[in-house]
């Protein structure tokens, strides 16, 4: 083989960030290379840790075989009838993906491991992860884990809608995730759903954990206790069975003792004109089973008897407007909240109508910025992490072929900020790859025939969908995007009906097909309810 030839290999990422392409080139040679037993020029593999364990290198050779022209001449003694070049081993470490891009086998192994942990019970959730004495004042205060449950109720069925709760929840989740908190952020929950996620959140609590519960929405106070209103609460005439009592919430968590239990309630605390007798009797059950821990801080957006406010034109409510500025301050939680209260006091628009309140029995000066330290990858920390990941998984893109039209619809997904029960769903129309040239066709832009169609997605009526938006990309062509909400009401894996339509005649359905999209984010957890 001539000395002027040079063999090289190239790696490239593919759309959706799930695969990589491995191609070889032989500079100085006019004949392009193909893979043995395949007509393709490239190898396509999933970006998964198991792929990186394989050894990839390219071997190129030519040979004058028996029976070919001039074979007798070249295969005689002293003649070279064969030559070969082998490339260096390709390093795939930079192309490893996280668990979200894992292959089906790795995902199955991961979920089997999760199921085993869940089946073994919740005792792991209460095991200590950090091997330090958290009660020694002279020791550095640390968190064994950091978790936050965030609920924002905005769109009420019988009460006035609120404007900023979802923005407040997103702002809060973004801030505490930067402090390494595992967040579970849910919007617009009814009472049954709120009760379920409070119980489910208990699995993330344990010894040494820093835990936050933030609720923003409608609420009120009765008999000295705060009640949170779900989206299906009646317009008036509340009784305890219509609301989520903070007494009940703490009773669910009382056997799981985190090092910090920060409760932030961004609700009104007006004393509503209702029958107090029912609330007095309801609260009595909790008064007889008092279980006090020196770990709790209550941060109320307002004081008892008055309202919490939104300001027209502001992205956040009054409480979150100032809270977000101090969440990452390296000071104690009590000092952090006091700074928020001073900022609200200095706001002339609201200082006379909204007065925040603080209650605490926390024995140590813990801060949200305290370091997250765990001794090895212990069982309880792994339990928390895998259970949290179970709520935040998106499936791989789904392809559905319409053979009569020679078109293929691809459906894929993306996160809606930090929300766990909302997802962006995209659909695009492309050409069905030819069997003999499947991988090569993946890189080709859509044909004009494909671009003349749109794929509309129809979901179960329990799920809320936003208006569709048309997105145009020079590489991917035209896509439709919608936001799918209330995933907790899916009752299992998400299904949809794909309606293929002409862009010029969007009222006529060309073809339909049902598609199983799989579990999205929180659906897997609620399916176990």
Foldseek 3Di string as FASTA:
>chain_A
DDPPKDKDWDWDADPPLFKIKIAMAIPPDPDQDDDPPARDRIDIDTQAPVVQVDWDKDKDKAFDDPPDVCCVVQVDPPHDGMDMDIGDTDHCVVSHDPPLNHDPVVVVVLVVVLVVLVVVDLPLQADQFAPDPCPDQVDFHAAQAAEEEEEEEAAADAEDGHDARVLLQLLVVVLLVVLVYLYAYAYQFAPVRVVVVLLVCLSNFYERHAYEYEYADEWEAAPRWIWAAGRHAHHDQDAVVRTHTVLVSCVSNLVRDYLAYEYEYQYFHAHDPYPRPRVVVVCVVSVVVDRDDQHYKYKYFADHRAGFAADPPDNHGLQSVQLSVQQQPPWFPVVSSVSSQVVCCVPVVPNVGGHMDMDHSHPHRDHSNHYNDGDPCDDNNVSSVSSSVLQAHFHDWDWDDDVVLQKIKIKGWDDPRNHSFKIKIKIAIAGCDDPSHRVVVSQDEGDPSRLQKAKDKAFDPQKDKDDWDWDADPRHGIMIMIMIGPLLPCLFFTKIKIFMDGPVCRVDGPDIDIDTRGDHRRNVVSNVD
